[in-house]
N, C-alpha and C. Protein backbone atom coordinates (compact mmCIF):
# COMPACT_ATOMS: atom_id res chain seq x y z
N MET A 1 0.73 -1.17 0.03
CA MET A 1 0.90 -0.20 0.38
C MET A 1 0.46 0.90 0.36
N GLY A 2 0.36 2.36 -0.97
CA GLY A 2 1.54 3.63 -1.15
C GLY A 2 1.26 4.58 -0.13
N SER A 3 1.72 5.41 0.19
CA SER A 3 2.08 6.45 1.01
C SER A 3 0.73 7.48 0.43
N ALA A 4 -0.39 8.17 1.68
CA ALA A 4 -1.09 8.81 0.83
C ALA A 4 -0.25 10.43 0.38
N ILE A 5 0.95 10.52 1.62
CA ILE A 5 1.94 11.63 1.50
C ILE A 5 2.41 12.18 -0.13
N ALA A 6 2.36 12.87 -1.00
CA ALA A 6 2.90 13.26 -1.84
C ALA A 6 4.27 13.49 -1.91
N ASP A 7 4.68 13.03 -2.75
CA ASP A 7 6.36 13.15 -2.49
C ASP A 7 6.66 14.67 -2.74
N PHE A 8 8.41 14.31 -2.80
CA PHE A 8 8.84 16.09 -2.73
C PHE A 8 8.82 16.59 -4.13
N SER A 9 8.79 17.87 -3.83
CA SER A 9 8.16 18.01 -5.23
C SER A 9 10.02 18.25 -5.99
N ASP A 10 9.94 18.93 -7.04
CA ASP A 10 11.11 19.46 -7.61
C ASP A 10 11.93 20.82 -6.98
N THR A 11 10.41 21.57 -6.91
CA THR A 11 10.62 22.70 -6.20
C THR A 11 11.57 22.82 -4.71
N GLU A 12 10.57 21.19 -3.72
CA GLU A 12 11.34 21.74 -2.83
C GLU A 12 12.81 21.00 -2.58
N ARG A 13 13.06 19.86 -4.27
CA ARG A 13 14.35 19.00 -3.48
C ARG A 13 15.11 20.38 -3.68
N SER A 14 15.22 21.57 -4.88
CA SER A 14 15.70 22.04 -5.23
C SER A 14 16.21 23.46 -3.26
N VAL A 15 14.87 23.69 -2.73
CA VAL A 15 15.31 24.36 -1.59
C VAL A 15 16.32 23.84 -1.17
N VAL A 16 16.57 22.22 -0.48
CA VAL A 16 16.91 21.01 0.07
C VAL A 16 18.59 21.36 -0.39
N GLU A 17 18.27 20.94 -2.19
CA GLU A 17 20.04 21.18 -2.43
C GLU A 17 20.59 22.26 -2.51
N SER A 18 20.30 23.34 -2.61
CA SER A 18 20.78 25.18 -2.77
C SER A 18 21.24 25.04 -0.78
N ALA A 19 20.14 24.77 -0.34
CA ALA A 19 20.67 24.77 1.59
C ALA A 19 22.36 24.05 1.97
N VAL A 20 22.08 23.15 1.55
CA VAL A 20 23.09 21.99 1.31
C VAL A 20 24.59 22.47 0.58
N LYS A 21 24.05 23.52 -0.30
CA LYS A 21 24.79 23.63 -1.51
C LYS A 21 25.89 24.51 -0.56
N GLU A 22 25.06 25.53 -0.20
CA GLU A 22 25.94 26.90 -0.25
C GLU A 22 26.53 26.06 1.45
N ARG A 23 25.87 25.94 2.67
CA ARG A 23 26.32 25.23 3.45
C ARG A 23 27.95 24.13 3.52
N TYR A 24 27.70 23.71 2.34
CA TYR A 24 29.20 23.12 1.98
C TYR A 24 30.06 23.26 1.16
N GLY A 25 29.70 24.55 0.52
CA GLY A 25 30.25 24.94 -0.67
C GLY A 25 30.33 23.82 -1.70
N HIS A 26 29.38 22.63 -1.66
CA HIS A 26 29.54 22.52 -3.21
C HIS A 26 28.26 21.43 -3.21
N ALA A 27 28.29 21.03 -4.19
CA ALA A 27 26.81 20.11 -4.27
C ALA A 27 27.22 18.44 -3.67
N VAL A 28 25.95 18.64 -2.93
CA VAL A 28 26.18 16.95 -2.20
C VAL A 28 24.68 15.89 -2.65
N PRO A 29 25.16 14.46 -2.92
CA PRO A 29 24.27 14.44 -3.32
C PRO A 29 22.83 14.34 -2.37
N VAL A 30 21.67 14.40 -3.09
CA VAL A 30 20.89 14.38 -1.77
C VAL A 30 19.47 13.07 -2.26
N GLU A 31 19.44 12.40 -1.91
CA GLU A 31 18.43 11.50 -2.63
C GLU A 31 17.50 11.36 -1.90
N VAL A 32 16.54 10.45 -2.08
CA VAL A 32 14.98 10.41 -2.42
C VAL A 32 15.14 9.23 -1.80
N ALA A 33 14.12 9.19 -0.45
CA ALA A 33 13.84 7.54 0.02
C ALA A 33 12.67 7.84 0.91
N ASP A 34 11.89 7.11 1.02
CA ASP A 34 10.60 6.68 2.05
C ASP A 34 11.42 6.35 3.82
N THR A 35 11.22 6.87 4.36
CA THR A 35 11.00 6.22 6.09
C THR A 35 9.25 6.26 7.24
N GLU A 36 9.53 5.24 7.74
CA GLU A 36 7.98 5.29 8.48
C GLU A 36 8.59 5.80 9.35
N LEU A 37 6.88 6.12 10.14
CA LEU A 37 6.94 7.41 11.59
C LEU A 37 5.57 8.02 12.14
N ARG A 38 5.71 7.55 13.17
CA ARG A 38 4.16 7.73 13.51
C ARG A 38 4.06 9.21 13.22
N ILE A 39 2.70 9.38 12.30
CA ILE A 39 2.69 11.08 12.18
C ILE A 39 2.07 11.89 13.31
N TYR A 40 1.08 11.18 14.31
CA TYR A 40 0.74 11.60 15.36
C TYR A 40 1.00 10.87 17.09
N PRO A 41 1.13 11.53 17.81
CA PRO A 41 1.94 10.11 18.94
C PRO A 41 0.79 9.29 19.44
N GLU A 42 -0.65 9.70 18.92
CA GLU A 42 -1.63 8.12 19.62
C GLU A 42 -1.62 7.20 18.18
N ASP A 43 -0.51 7.57 17.19
CA ASP A 43 -1.23 6.74 16.22
C ASP A 43 -0.57 5.24 16.57
N ARG A 44 -0.63 4.25 16.49
CA ARG A 44 -0.69 2.30 16.54
C ARG A 44 -0.13 2.19 15.76
N GLU A 45 0.20 2.82 14.21
CA GLU A 45 0.72 2.32 12.88
C GLU A 45 2.02 2.96 12.74
N LEU A 46 2.97 2.75 11.84
CA LEU A 46 2.97 3.74 10.80
C LEU A 46 3.06 3.79 9.59
N THR A 47 3.17 5.39 9.39
CA THR A 47 2.99 5.66 7.88
C THR A 47 4.45 6.07 6.89
N THR A 48 4.05 6.02 5.90
CA THR A 48 5.26 5.33 5.05
C THR A 48 5.54 6.73 4.01
N CYS A 49 6.87 7.73 5.08
CA CYS A 49 6.79 9.20 4.72
C CYS A 49 8.54 9.57 3.40
N PRO A 50 7.47 10.23 2.65
CA PRO A 50 8.72 10.61 1.47
C PRO A 50 9.86 11.32 2.59
N CYS A 51 11.46 11.07 2.00
CA CYS A 51 11.88 11.56 3.05
C CYS A 51 13.64 12.09 1.33
N LEU A 52 14.18 13.52 2.62
CA LEU A 52 15.39 13.28 1.73
C LEU A 52 16.83 13.04 2.55
N PHE A 53 17.68 12.40 2.09
CA PHE A 53 18.58 12.07 2.71
C PHE A 53 20.17 12.24 1.97
N TRP A 54 20.93 12.60 3.37
CA TRP A 54 22.47 12.71 2.79
C TRP A 54 23.26 12.98 3.87
N LYS A 55 24.66 13.00 3.42
CA LYS A 55 24.63 12.46 4.18
C LYS A 55 26.73 13.09 4.19
N GLN A 56 27.17 14.44 4.75
CA GLN A 56 28.41 14.67 5.07
C GLN A 56 29.23 14.45 6.56
N ARG A 57 30.40 14.65 6.09
CA ARG A 57 31.18 14.84 7.51
C ARG A 57 30.89 13.91 8.78
N ASP A 58 30.89 12.36 8.01
CA ASP A 58 30.13 11.46 8.79
C ASP A 58 29.10 11.64 9.89
N CYS A 59 28.11 12.84 9.02
CA CYS A 59 26.76 13.13 9.82
C CYS A 59 25.72 12.53 8.46
N SER A 60 24.27 11.93 8.78
CA SER A 60 23.67 11.79 8.29
C SER A 60 22.59 12.57 8.26
N PHE A 61 21.86 13.19 7.59
CA PHE A 61 20.41 13.93 7.70
C PHE A 61 19.31 13.65 7.01
N VAL A 62 18.23 13.76 7.75
CA VAL A 62 16.94 13.47 7.19
C VAL A 62 15.91 14.04 7.04
N ILE A 63 15.71 14.55 5.82
CA ILE A 63 14.04 15.58 6.19
C ILE A 63 13.11 14.60 6.01
N ALA A 64 11.86 14.44 5.84
CA ALA A 64 10.27 13.71 5.83
C ALA A 64 9.58 15.09 5.54
N LYS A 65 8.72 14.79 5.05
CA LYS A 65 7.96 14.95 4.78
C LYS A 65 6.49 14.27 5.25
N VAL A 66 6.07 14.82 6.05
CA VAL A 66 4.53 14.06 6.72
C VAL A 66 3.67 14.50 6.39
N GLY A 67 3.10 15.66 5.34
CA GLY A 67 1.97 16.17 5.31
C GLY A 67 2.64 16.83 4.27
N GLU A 68 1.25 17.42 4.01
CA GLU A 68 1.77 18.78 2.67
C GLU A 68 1.75 19.51 3.80
N GLY A 69 3.20 20.78 2.81
CA GLY A 69 3.34 21.49 3.92
C GLY A 69 4.01 21.44 5.90
N ARG A 70 4.25 19.87 5.57
CA ARG A 70 4.74 19.46 7.25
C ARG A 70 5.85 18.63 7.10
N PHE A 71 6.74 18.78 7.74
CA PHE A 71 8.12 18.22 7.48
C PHE A 71 8.88 17.99 8.96
N ARG A 72 9.93 16.56 9.05
CA ARG A 72 10.41 16.65 10.41
C ARG A 72 12.12 16.13 9.52
N SER A 73 12.35 16.56 10.73
CA SER A 73 13.63 16.54 10.15
C SER A 73 14.51 16.27 11.99
N MET A 74 16.04 15.70 11.04
CA MET A 74 16.62 14.62 12.08
C MET A 74 18.65 14.64 11.74
N PHE A 75 19.45 14.69 12.31
CA PHE A 75 20.51 14.24 11.77
C PHE A 75 21.10 13.42 13.34
N PHE A 76 21.94 12.92 12.41
CA PHE A 76 22.93 11.08 13.29
C PHE A 76 23.64 11.01 12.87
N TYR A 77 24.94 10.48 13.70
CA TYR A 77 26.71 10.11 13.18
C TYR A 77 26.34 7.88 13.38
N ARG A 78 25.51 7.75 14.77
CA ARG A 78 25.25 6.36 14.43
C ARG A 78 23.37 6.24 15.53
N VAL A 79 23.44 4.58 15.29
CA VAL A 79 21.82 4.51 15.67
C VAL A 79 21.70 5.32 16.63
N HIS A 80 22.84 5.48 18.09
CA HIS A 80 22.28 5.85 18.88
C HIS A 80 22.81 7.25 19.20
N GLN A 81 23.20 8.15 18.14
CA GLN A 81 23.39 9.37 18.67
C GLN A 81 22.27 9.98 17.34
N MET A 82 21.46 10.19 17.82
CA MET A 82 20.86 11.04 16.93
C MET A 82 19.89 12.01 17.15
N PHE A 83 19.55 13.12 16.77
CA PHE A 83 19.53 14.83 17.11
C PHE A 83 18.64 15.34 16.26
N GLY A 84 17.61 16.47 16.86
CA GLY A 84 16.29 16.79 16.44
C GLY A 84 16.73 18.67 16.44
N THR A 85 16.10 19.33 16.47
CA THR A 85 16.27 20.39 15.98
C THR A 85 15.93 21.06 17.65
N GLY A 86 14.86 20.40 18.12
CA GLY A 86 13.67 21.19 19.53
C GLY A 86 12.41 21.32 18.51
N ARG A 87 12.95 21.05 17.60
CA ARG A 87 10.97 21.46 17.07
C ARG A 87 10.38 20.10 16.67
N GLU A 88 9.57 20.67 16.77
CA GLU A 88 8.68 18.37 15.97
C GLU A 88 8.52 18.64 15.01
N GLU A 89 8.10 20.06 14.25
CA GLU A 89 7.47 20.34 12.51
C GLU A 89 7.34 21.20 12.18
N TYR A 90 8.16 21.39 11.16
CA TYR A 90 8.39 23.31 10.93
C TYR A 90 7.49 23.42 10.01
N ASP A 91 6.37 24.33 9.48
CA ASP A 91 5.57 24.37 7.95
C ASP A 91 6.19 24.99 6.94
N ASP A 92 7.61 25.04 7.19
CA ASP A 92 8.03 25.81 6.02
C ASP A 92 9.05 24.58 5.52
N LEU A 93 9.90 25.01 3.99
CA LEU A 93 10.86 23.83 4.31
C LEU A 93 11.65 24.54 4.17
N GLY A 94 11.71 25.51 3.64
CA GLY A 94 13.12 26.44 4.04
C GLY A 94 13.71 26.74 5.59
N ASP A 95 13.02 26.61 6.17
CA ASP A 95 12.84 26.84 7.50
C ASP A 95 14.23 25.37 8.19
N CYS A 96 13.20 24.86 8.26
CA CYS A 96 13.12 23.46 8.55
C CYS A 96 15.22 22.89 7.85
N VAL A 97 15.21 22.79 6.73
CA VAL A 97 16.51 22.42 6.44
C VAL A 97 17.32 23.76 6.98
N LEU A 98 17.04 24.88 6.78
CA LEU A 98 18.58 25.86 7.82
C LEU A 98 18.43 25.64 8.93
N VAL A 99 17.37 25.87 10.35
CA VAL A 99 17.83 24.82 11.08
C VAL A 99 18.71 23.38 11.41
N LEU A 100 17.95 22.96 10.45
CA LEU A 100 18.27 21.57 11.04
C LEU A 100 20.30 21.73 10.13
N LEU A 101 20.75 22.50 9.93
CA LEU A 101 22.26 22.62 9.05
C LEU A 101 22.75 23.56 10.15
N ARG A 102 21.71 24.40 10.54
CA ARG A 102 22.47 25.41 12.12
C ARG A 102 22.81 24.50 13.45
N VAL A 103 21.68 23.51 13.50
CA VAL A 103 22.37 22.43 14.77
C VAL A 103 22.82 21.92 14.51
N GLN A 104 23.33 21.18 13.82
CA GLN A 104 23.56 19.69 13.26
C GLN A 104 25.58 20.95 12.95
N ALA A 105 25.24 21.90 12.37
CA ALA A 105 26.82 22.71 12.45
C ALA A 105 27.32 23.14 14.37
N ASP A 106 26.62 24.12 14.80
CA ASP A 106 26.60 23.66 16.41
C ASP A 106 26.66 22.46 17.09
N HIS A 107 26.33 21.58 16.58
CA HIS A 107 27.07 20.23 17.50
C HIS A 107 28.46 20.21 17.12
N GLU A 108 28.80 19.49 15.59
CA GLU A 108 30.29 19.78 15.58
C GLU A 108 30.85 20.05 16.11
N LYS A 109 30.69 22.46 16.31
CA LYS A 109 31.47 22.97 17.02
C LYS A 109 31.97 22.52 17.96
N GLU A 110 30.61 22.49 19.22
CA GLU A 110 30.78 21.71 20.05
C GLU A 110 31.57 20.71 20.42
N GLN A 111 31.28 19.58 19.93
CA GLN A 111 31.78 18.35 20.18
C GLN A 111 33.75 18.22 19.21
N ALA A 112 33.77 19.48 18.96
CA ALA A 112 35.58 19.86 18.54
C ALA A 112 36.05 21.04 19.88
N GLY A 113 34.90 21.15 20.73
CA GLY A 113 35.62 21.80 21.74
C GLY A 113 35.67 23.72 22.02
N VAL A 114 34.62 23.92 20.61
CA VAL A 114 34.28 24.86 19.86
C VAL A 114 33.59 25.65 20.73
N THR A 115 33.97 27.01 21.60
CA THR A 115 32.60 27.82 22.41
C THR A 115 33.08 29.27 21.78
N SER A 116 32.19 30.01 22.42
CA SER A 116 32.38 31.64 21.65
C SER A 116 33.70 32.22 22.61
N GLY A 117 33.89 32.65 21.45
CA GLY A 117 35.65 33.71 22.17
C GLY A 117 36.33 33.10 21.45
N LYS A 118 36.84 31.55 21.32
CA LYS A 118 37.83 31.24 21.34
C LYS A 118 38.11 31.30 19.59
N THR A 119 39.43 31.18 19.53
CA THR A 119 40.18 31.52 18.74
C THR A 119 40.75 29.73 17.92
N GLY A 120 41.12 29.85 16.61
CA GLY A 120 41.83 28.58 15.96
C GLY A 120 43.12 27.91 16.98
N LYS A 121 43.40 29.38 17.66
CA LYS A 121 44.99 28.92 18.29
C LYS A 121 44.68 28.47 19.92
N ASP A 122 43.50 28.71 20.70
CA ASP A 122 42.96 28.46 21.23
C ASP A 122 42.70 27.15 21.35
N ILE A 123 42.82 26.49 20.16
CA ILE A 123 41.92 24.99 20.02
C ILE A 123 42.73 23.82 19.97
N CYS A 124 43.74 24.52 19.41
CA CYS A 124 45.42 23.99 19.17
C CYS A 124 46.20 23.68 19.64
């Protein structure tokens, strides 16, 4: 049985691909896939949702479309290292991808020991 949720449009894919390219300074392959999610906490069954997936710097990213104009996002390094943005759902795909990239960049800096006010000299 197929999902009632429409696939990402070409425009939506372009929004994500452009933001990812801007973040990393080069084109990054963004793959189309499906994922299964509980759309609402009370749902007993999982719903198949289209998603966009990419990997960069040993980190994997997923943006799932959970309805018309409704998106969820996460990034992870390993199955037990999964992170969200602190917001369950977005109604604007541009906001969704930008916040996801910012939160992951902040996480990456934190893991490297970078804090406000430190320079490259302080870290080395």
